[in-house]
Amino acid sequence: MAPNITSAPTGVLFENDPDLGDDSSFQPEQVKTQTSSSSKEDTYRLRIVWRNVILFVYLHMAALYGAWLMITSAKIQTSIWAYLLYQASGLGITAGAHRLWAHRSYKAKWPLRVLLVIFNTIAFENHVYEWARDHRVHHKYSETNADPHNAKRGFFFSHVGWLLCRKHPDVIEKGKGIDLKDLEEDKLLMFQKKYYMLLMPFFCFVFPTVIPVYCWGETWTNSWFVATMFRYTFTLNMTWLVNSAAHMWGQRPYDKFINPSENLGVAVMALGEGWHNYHHVFPWDYKTAELGNYRANLTTGFIDFFSKIGWAYDLKTVPLSMVKKRAARTGDGTYENHSHEGEVWGWGDKDMSQEDREQATVIGRKDE
């Protein structure tokens, strides 16, 4: 999940660099002339984007200073404000860009959609269209050169390094084949995309800084470094852990043939996104986990709340019988003591099996 509560979780920091995530990166003129994977691999060279390196160094130094100010001089209200913004921006990624738009695991009425777009803009992990696009590529080509944050290139690369260099040509080439029509037909997402460079600075940086100063008399320094820099950088790193730690360490009870793992620590810090082995096997489950409680999956509780008041509906989930069958076929034996199946990016993927479609449980289904 990307910067993501990426997966995610995906997303990038600066959208105007064509090789870092701008929509133009998937236009034909941006693709190398080589056609075979081997030829691209032979000519591919890692190219560092020094602008991003400098900016990420500043972000992390500012976040460390913010952490110091938080325990030495910032008011308790400012720390609480930073925590609330972290939760809101996290949900903008997990419940919004990830589960709603990237995977289509549930549907939402316009008030919830607007709320999630605002939360997502606070997070500044790129607009939903780009985040969801890269995340679908990640699921379809996980742990290959076409995966934007391929964990087989090491922890640092999958955590943050992928944002510090140009994309591998395979990411661009394979990305052109991902179905994005549902995102392109969403007027709210297209509005966010069009005005992102106006909306993002206000929601991510200005608004979080101004509120503590004018509402409870915080200093500008404390407000900037605690509520904005520390909060933003912390959120990014929690998202990145889904791409790195949750793709390396943990059990694989549902599919032992893939890297994504069940990681409790990441699940807690990333609002429920750390149950990653399950999620890559069943990416269209709105819970992203088999668990039936909210202790390590705050996002599921958030979605369930809005389902009860009618703002979220058509919640797709997996019946226990299907989970057990898959664990018995491909699990590592840790669930309860087939060959690797094709990957899908979520509900509606053309490669999703008919069996999965028919056996899925859909909560709160509504005819449209």
Protein backbone atom coordinates (compact mmCIF):
# COMPACT_ATOMS: atom_id res chain seq x y z
CA MET A 1 0.00 0.00 0.00
CA ALA A 2 1.75 3.55 -1.20
CA PRO A 3 3.56 6.64 -0.36
CA ASN A 4 0.64 4.43 0.47
CA ILE A 5 -1.38 2.99 4.05
CA THR A 6 -0.14 1.12 0.63
CA SER A 7 -0.05 -0.97 -0.34
CA ALA A 8 -0.32 -0.24 0.51
CA PRO A 9 -0.97 -0.49 -0.30
CA THR A 10 0.90 2.66 -3.54
CA GLY A 11 1.32 6.21 -4.64
CA VAL A 12 4.15 8.63 -5.20
CA LEU A 13 5.16 11.93 -3.72
CA PHE A 14 5.41 14.12 -6.80
CA GLU A 15 3.02 13.48 -9.64
CA ASN A 16 4.57 15.70 -12.33
CA ASP A 17 7.61 13.52 -12.95
CA PRO A 18 6.56 11.22 -15.80
CA ASP A 19 8.58 8.26 -14.59
CA LEU A 20 7.40 8.60 -11.00
CA GLY A 21 3.70 8.31 -11.47
CA ASP A 22 2.13 10.99 -13.65
CA ASP A 23 -0.61 9.74 -15.95
CA SER A 24 1.65 10.48 -18.92
CA SER A 25 3.89 7.65 -17.72
CA PHE A 26 1.50 5.20 -19.35
CA GLN A 27 1.44 6.97 -22.73
CA PRO A 28 3.19 5.14 -25.59
CA GLU A 29 5.87 7.78 -26.08
CA GLN A 30 7.14 7.16 -22.57
CA VAL A 31 7.74 3.44 -23.14
CA LYS A 32 11.16 2.20 -24.21
CA THR A 33 11.42 0.78 -27.70
CA GLN A 34 12.49 -2.67 -26.51
CA THR A 35 9.72 -5.23 -26.62
CA SER A 36 11.15 -8.24 -24.82
CA SER A 37 11.57 -8.39 -21.05
CA SER A 38 15.14 -9.62 -21.41
CA SER A 39 16.15 -6.73 -23.65
CA LYS A 40 14.60 -4.21 -21.26
CA GLU A 41 16.40 -5.87 -18.37
CA ASP A 42 19.69 -5.69 -20.25
CA THR A 43 19.34 -1.95 -20.83
CA TYR A 44 17.62 -0.98 -17.58
CA ARG A 45 19.73 1.14 -15.25
CA LEU A 46 18.67 2.49 -11.88
CA ARG A 47 18.23 6.26 -12.14
CA ILE A 48 18.01 8.17 -8.87
CA VAL A 49 15.74 11.22 -8.61
CA TRP A 50 17.82 13.48 -6.39
CA ARG A 51 15.02 15.98 -5.88
CA ASN A 52 13.01 13.31 -4.10
CA VAL A 53 16.02 12.15 -2.10
CA ILE A 54 16.56 15.69 -0.77
CA LEU A 55 12.88 16.21 0.03
CA PHE A 56 12.52 12.86 1.80
CA VAL A 57 15.63 13.59 3.86
CA TYR A 58 14.07 16.89 4.91
CA LEU A 59 10.75 15.22 5.73
CA HIS A 60 12.37 12.69 8.04
CA MET A 61 14.63 15.22 9.74
CA ALA A 62 11.62 17.49 10.27
CA ALA A 63 9.62 14.55 11.62
CA LEU A 64 12.35 13.70 14.13
CA TYR A 65 12.39 17.32 15.29
CA GLY A 66 8.61 17.20 15.51
CA ALA A 67 8.79 14.09 17.69
CA TRP A 68 11.21 15.96 20.02
CA LEU A 69 8.90 18.96 20.20
CA MET A 70 5.95 16.70 20.89
CA ILE A 71 7.49 15.50 24.16
CA THR A 72 9.17 18.76 25.16
CA SER A 73 7.08 21.80 24.25
CA ALA A 74 3.98 21.09 22.14
CA LYS A 75 0.59 21.28 23.80
CA ILE A 76 -1.29 18.04 24.36
CA GLN A 77 -4.06 19.29 22.07
CA THR A 78 -1.54 19.50 19.23
CA SER A 79 -0.46 15.90 19.73
CA ILE A 80 -4.09 14.77 19.81
CA TRP A 81 -4.76 16.80 16.65
CA ALA A 82 -1.82 15.10 14.91
CA TYR A 83 -3.14 11.68 15.97
CA LEU A 84 -6.63 12.44 14.67
CA LEU A 85 -5.20 13.63 11.34
CA TYR A 86 -3.16 10.43 11.12
CA GLN A 87 -6.32 8.37 11.61
CA ALA A 88 -8.29 10.43 9.08
CA SER A 89 -5.59 10.42 6.41
CA GLY A 90 -5.00 6.72 7.01
CA LEU A 91 -8.67 5.96 6.42
CA GLY A 92 -8.51 8.05 3.25
CA ILE A 93 -5.99 5.51 2.01
CA THR A 94 -7.26 2.25 3.52
CA ALA A 95 -11.04 2.67 3.33
CA GLY A 96 -10.92 5.01 0.33
CA ALA A 97 -8.15 4.63 -2.24
CA HIS A 98 -7.48 1.02 -1.30
CA ARG A 99 -10.63 -0.90 -0.43
CA LEU A 100 -13.27 1.25 -2.14
CA TRP A 101 -11.59 2.43 -5.33
CA ALA A 102 -8.59 0.19 -6.03
CA HIS A 103 -10.36 -3.09 -5.20
CA ARG A 104 -14.06 -2.17 -5.48
CA SER A 105 -14.67 -4.34 -2.41
CA TYR A 106 -17.70 -2.26 -1.43
CA LYS A 107 -19.70 0.71 -2.68
CA ALA A 108 -20.34 4.06 -1.04
CA LYS A 109 -22.89 6.82 -1.34
CA TRP A 110 -21.74 10.32 -2.20
CA PRO A 111 -21.42 11.72 1.39
CA LEU A 112 -18.99 8.95 2.33
CA ARG A 113 -17.20 9.25 -1.00
CA VAL A 114 -16.66 12.98 -0.48
CA LEU A 115 -15.42 12.37 3.08
CA LEU A 116 -12.96 9.75 1.89
CA VAL A 117 -11.64 11.96 -0.91
CA ILE A 118 -11.00 14.74 1.65
CA PHE A 119 -9.26 12.27 3.99
CA ASN A 120 -7.26 10.95 1.05
CA THR A 121 -6.14 14.46 0.09
CA ILE A 122 -4.95 15.08 3.66
CA ALA A 123 -2.76 11.97 3.29
CA PHE A 124 -0.97 13.32 0.18
CA GLU A 125 -0.06 9.99 -1.35
CA ASN A 126 -1.22 11.21 -4.76
CA HIS A 127 -4.78 11.45 -6.00
CA VAL A 128 -6.98 8.37 -5.86
CA TYR A 129 -6.83 7.67 -9.60
CA GLU A 130 -3.05 7.35 -9.62
CA TRP A 131 -2.91 5.52 -6.28
CA ALA A 132 -5.49 2.95 -7.36
CA ARG A 133 -3.88 2.53 -10.78
CA ASP A 134 -0.46 1.73 -9.34
CA HIS A 135 -2.00 -0.53 -6.72
CA ARG A 136 -3.84 -2.58 -9.30
CA VAL A 137 -0.55 -3.01 -11.17
CA HIS A 138 1.05 -4.09 -7.90
CA HIS A 139 -1.54 -6.82 -7.37
CA LYS A 140 -1.51 -8.08 -10.94
CA TYR A 141 2.30 -8.30 -11.10
CA SER A 142 3.32 -8.61 -7.47
CA GLU A 143 7.03 -9.25 -6.89
CA THR A 144 8.02 -8.83 -10.54
CA ASN A 145 9.72 -5.95 -12.33
CA ALA A 146 6.24 -4.65 -13.18
CA ASP A 147 5.46 -4.24 -9.47
CA PRO A 148 6.14 -0.56 -8.59
CA HIS A 149 7.57 -1.56 -5.19
CA ASN A 150 8.84 -5.07 -5.88
CA ALA A 151 9.79 -6.56 -2.49
CA LYS A 152 12.29 -8.90 -4.14
CA ARG A 153 14.51 -5.85 -4.67
CA GLY A 154 14.95 -5.57 -0.91
CA PHE A 155 13.36 -3.94 2.12
CA PHE A 156 14.65 -0.43 1.43
CA PHE A 157 13.46 -0.43 -2.17
CA SER A 158 9.97 -1.70 -1.34
CA HIS A 159 9.70 0.67 1.63
CA VAL A 160 10.85 3.98 0.16
CA GLY A 161 13.53 3.41 -2.47
CA TRP A 162 10.99 2.95 -5.25
CA LEU A 163 10.01 6.59 -4.73
CA LEU A 164 13.60 7.76 -5.08
CA CYS A 165 14.24 6.39 -8.57
CA ARG A 166 12.65 6.09 -11.99
CA LYS A 167 10.13 3.35 -12.59
CA HIS A 168 11.23 0.13 -14.22
CA PRO A 169 9.98 0.10 -17.87
CA ASP A 170 7.88 -2.99 -17.10
CA VAL A 171 5.78 -0.98 -14.63
CA ILE A 172 4.89 1.46 -17.39
CA GLU A 173 4.29 -1.21 -20.03
CA LYS A 174 2.13 -3.51 -17.90
CA GLY A 175 0.26 -0.57 -16.42
CA LYS A 176 -1.20 0.21 -19.83
CA GLY A 177 -3.16 -3.04 -19.71
CA ILE A 178 -4.94 -2.40 -16.40
CA ASP A 179 -8.66 -1.62 -16.61
CA LEU A 180 -9.29 1.88 -15.21
CA LYS A 181 -12.63 2.70 -16.81
CA ASP A 182 -14.48 2.70 -13.48
CA LEU A 183 -12.07 5.30 -12.09
CA GLU A 184 -12.19 7.44 -15.21
CA GLU A 185 -16.00 7.48 -15.11
CA ASP A 186 -16.04 8.65 -11.47
CA LYS A 187 -16.60 12.42 -11.61
CA LEU A 188 -15.53 12.94 -8.00
CA LEU A 189 -12.17 11.25 -8.62
CA MET A 190 -11.65 13.18 -11.83
CA PHE A 191 -12.38 16.42 -9.93
CA GLN A 192 -9.79 15.53 -7.30
CA LYS A 193 -7.29 14.59 -10.00
CA LYS A 194 -7.83 17.83 -11.93
CA TYR A 195 -7.48 20.14 -8.93
CA TYR A 196 -5.13 18.01 -6.82
CA MET A 197 -2.25 20.48 -6.82
CA LEU A 198 -4.59 23.11 -5.39
CA LEU A 199 -6.46 20.89 -2.93
CA MET A 200 -3.49 18.93 -1.57
CA PRO A 201 -1.37 21.82 -0.19
CA PHE A 202 -4.36 23.15 1.73
CA PHE A 203 -5.62 19.86 3.19
CA CYS A 204 -2.21 18.27 3.89
CA PHE A 205 -0.14 21.28 5.00
CA VAL A 206 -2.04 24.54 5.52
CA PHE A 207 -5.15 23.31 7.33
CA PRO A 208 -3.30 21.02 9.80
CA THR A 209 -0.85 23.82 10.67
CA VAL A 210 -3.32 26.68 11.07
CA ILE A 211 -5.86 24.95 13.35
CA PRO A 212 -3.58 24.52 16.41
CA VAL A 213 -2.31 28.10 16.16
CA TYR A 214 -5.73 29.76 16.04
CA CYS A 215 -7.79 27.29 18.07
CA TRP A 216 -5.60 26.72 21.15
CA GLY A 217 -2.69 29.12 20.82
CA GLU A 218 0.02 26.70 19.70
CA THR A 219 3.24 28.14 18.27
CA TRP A 220 3.76 28.07 14.54
CA THR A 221 6.92 25.99 15.02
CA ASN A 222 5.22 23.31 17.09
CA SER A 223 2.22 23.24 14.81
CA TRP A 224 4.29 22.84 11.64
CA PHE A 225 6.71 20.22 12.92
CA VAL A 226 4.28 18.19 15.05
CA ALA A 227 0.84 18.38 13.41
CA THR A 228 2.14 18.54 9.85
CA MET A 229 5.67 17.20 9.35
CA PHE A 230 5.66 14.46 12.00
CA ARG A 231 2.10 13.41 11.23
CA TYR A 232 2.63 13.32 7.46
CA THR A 233 5.94 11.43 7.59
CA PHE A 234 4.62 8.96 10.16
CA THR A 235 1.59 8.23 7.97
CA LEU A 236 3.83 7.66 4.95
CA ASN A 237 5.98 5.17 6.81
CA MET A 238 2.98 3.24 8.11
CA THR A 239 1.78 2.93 4.52
CA TRP A 240 5.21 1.89 3.29
CA LEU A 241 5.38 -0.92 5.87
CA VAL A 242 2.55 -2.63 4.04
CA ASN A 243 4.73 -2.68 0.90
CA SER A 244 7.89 -3.78 2.72
CA ALA A 245 7.47 -5.58 6.07
CA ALA A 246 4.13 -7.19 5.18
CA HIS A 247 5.71 -8.58 2.01
CA MET A 248 8.62 -10.13 3.88
CA TRP A 249 7.84 -11.26 7.41
CA GLY A 250 4.98 -13.29 8.80
CA GLN A 251 2.96 -16.41 8.17
CA ARG A 252 1.33 -17.40 4.89
CA PRO A 253 -1.67 -19.51 5.89
CA TYR A 254 -3.61 -18.92 2.67
CA ASP A 255 -0.93 -19.07 -0.02
CA LYS A 256 2.66 -20.08 0.72
CA PHE A 257 3.72 -19.41 -2.87
CA ILE A 258 3.51 -15.62 -2.62
CA ASN A 259 5.50 -13.08 -0.59
CA PRO A 260 2.68 -11.18 1.20
CA SER A 261 2.36 -12.31 4.82
CA GLU A 262 0.16 -11.97 7.89
CA ASN A 263 1.91 -9.28 9.98
CA LEU A 264 0.19 -8.21 13.21
CA GLY A 265 2.43 -5.21 13.82
CA VAL A 266 1.72 -3.74 10.42
CA ALA A 267 -2.00 -4.47 10.82
CA VAL A 268 -2.14 -2.46 14.04
CA MET A 269 -0.15 0.51 12.77
CA ALA A 270 -1.70 0.59 9.27
CA LEU A 271 -5.33 0.39 10.41
CA GLY A 272 -5.84 -3.24 9.40
CA GLU A 273 -3.73 -3.52 6.26
CA GLY A 274 -1.18 -5.99 7.59
CA TRP A 275 -3.19 -9.18 7.00
CA HIS A 276 -1.49 -9.25 3.67
CA ASN A 277 -1.37 -12.92 2.72
CA TYR A 278 -5.16 -13.06 2.99
CA HIS A 279 -5.52 -9.77 1.14
CA HIS A 280 -3.49 -10.87 -1.88
CA VAL A 281 -5.48 -14.10 -2.08
CA PHE A 282 -8.87 -12.38 -1.68
CA PRO A 283 -8.27 -8.72 -2.70
CA TRP A 284 -11.99 -8.10 -3.15
CA ASP A 285 -12.85 -8.78 0.52
CA TYR A 286 -13.71 -5.42 2.12
CA LYS A 287 -12.21 -6.57 5.44
CA THR A 288 -8.81 -7.45 3.87
CA ALA A 289 -8.72 -10.13 6.58
CA GLU A 290 -10.53 -13.19 7.84
CA LEU A 291 -10.81 -11.69 11.32
CA GLY A 292 -14.28 -10.93 12.62
CA ASN A 293 -13.24 -8.22 15.09
CA TYR A 294 -11.84 -4.70 14.89
CA ARG A 295 -8.92 -4.91 17.32
CA ALA A 296 -6.34 -4.94 14.54
CA ASN A 297 -8.55 -3.74 11.69
CA LEU A 298 -9.93 -0.28 12.42
CA THR A 299 -10.78 0.28 8.77
CA THR A 300 -13.25 -2.60 8.77
CA GLY A 301 -15.00 -1.09 11.77
CA PHE A 302 -15.16 2.24 9.95
CA ILE A 303 -16.76 0.64 6.88
CA ASP A 304 -19.18 -1.41 8.98
CA PHE A 305 -20.31 1.74 10.82
CA PHE A 306 -21.17 3.47 7.58
CA SER A 307 -22.83 0.30 6.33
CA LYS A 308 -25.18 0.43 9.32
CA ILE A 309 -26.25 4.00 8.52
CA GLY A 310 -26.63 3.18 4.83
CA TRP A 311 -23.66 5.10 3.40
CA ALA A 312 -21.69 1.92 2.52
CA TYR A 313 -23.25 -1.08 0.80
CA ASP A 314 -22.49 -4.14 -1.35
CA LEU A 315 -19.73 -5.21 1.04
CA LYS A 316 -17.99 -8.22 -0.53
CA THR A 317 -16.50 -10.83 1.79
CA VAL A 318 -15.46 -14.48 1.71
CA PRO A 319 -17.40 -17.35 3.30
CA LEU A 320 -15.44 -19.51 5.74
CA SER A 321 -15.81 -22.57 3.53
CA MET A 322 -13.98 -20.85 0.68
CA VAL A 323 -11.22 -19.66 3.01
CA LYS A 324 -10.65 -23.17 4.36
CA LYS A 325 -10.57 -24.70 0.89
CA ARG A 326 -7.95 -22.21 -0.28
CA ALA A 327 -5.84 -22.61 2.87
CA ALA A 328 -5.89 -26.40 2.45
CA ARG A 329 -4.80 -26.11 -1.18
CA THR A 330 -2.06 -23.51 -1.04
CA GLY A 331 -1.40 -22.53 2.60
CA ASP A 332 1.81 -23.03 4.55
CA GLY A 333 0.03 -25.19 7.17
CA THR A 334 -0.33 -22.43 9.74
CA TYR A 335 -4.04 -21.97 9.04
CA GLU A 336 -5.06 -25.50 10.05
CA ASN A 337 -2.87 -28.24 9.73
CA HIS A 338 -2.97 -25.96 -6.26
CA SER A 339 -0.76 -24.59 -7.92
CA HIS A 340 -0.36 -20.82 -7.66
CA GLU A 341 -3.37 -19.14 -9.23
CA GLY A 342 -3.38 -15.97 -11.29
CA GLU A 343 -3.44 -12.67 -9.44
CA VAL A 344 -6.41 -10.31 -9.50
CA TRP A 345 -6.59 -6.67 -8.49
CA GLY A 346 -10.08 -6.84 -6.94
CA TRP A 347 -13.79 -7.23 -7.66
CA GLY A 348 -14.49 -6.97 -11.36
CA ASP A 349 -11.06 -8.11 -12.55
CA LYS A 350 -11.51 -10.18 -15.73
CA ASP A 351 -9.27 -12.90 -14.23
CA MET A 352 -11.45 -13.35 -11.14
CA SER A 353 -12.81 -16.91 -11.16
CA GLN A 354 -16.51 -17.57 -11.57
CA GLU A 355 -16.37 -19.69 -8.41
CA ASP A 356 -15.14 -16.72 -6.39
CA ARG A 357 -17.90 -14.51 -7.83
CA GLU A 358 -20.62 -17.03 -7.06
CA GLN A 359 -19.46 -17.97 -3.56
CA ALA A 360 -18.66 -14.47 -2.33
CA THR A 361 -20.89 -13.05 0.38
CA VAL A 362 -22.21 -9.56 -0.43
CA ILE A 363 -23.53 -7.62 2.56
CA GLY A 364 -26.12 -4.90 2.05
CA ARG A 365 -26.55 -5.54 -1.66
CA LYS A 366 -28.54 -2.86 -3.51
CA ASP A 367 -29.78 -2.88 -7.07
CA GLU A 368 -28.51 0.03 -9.14
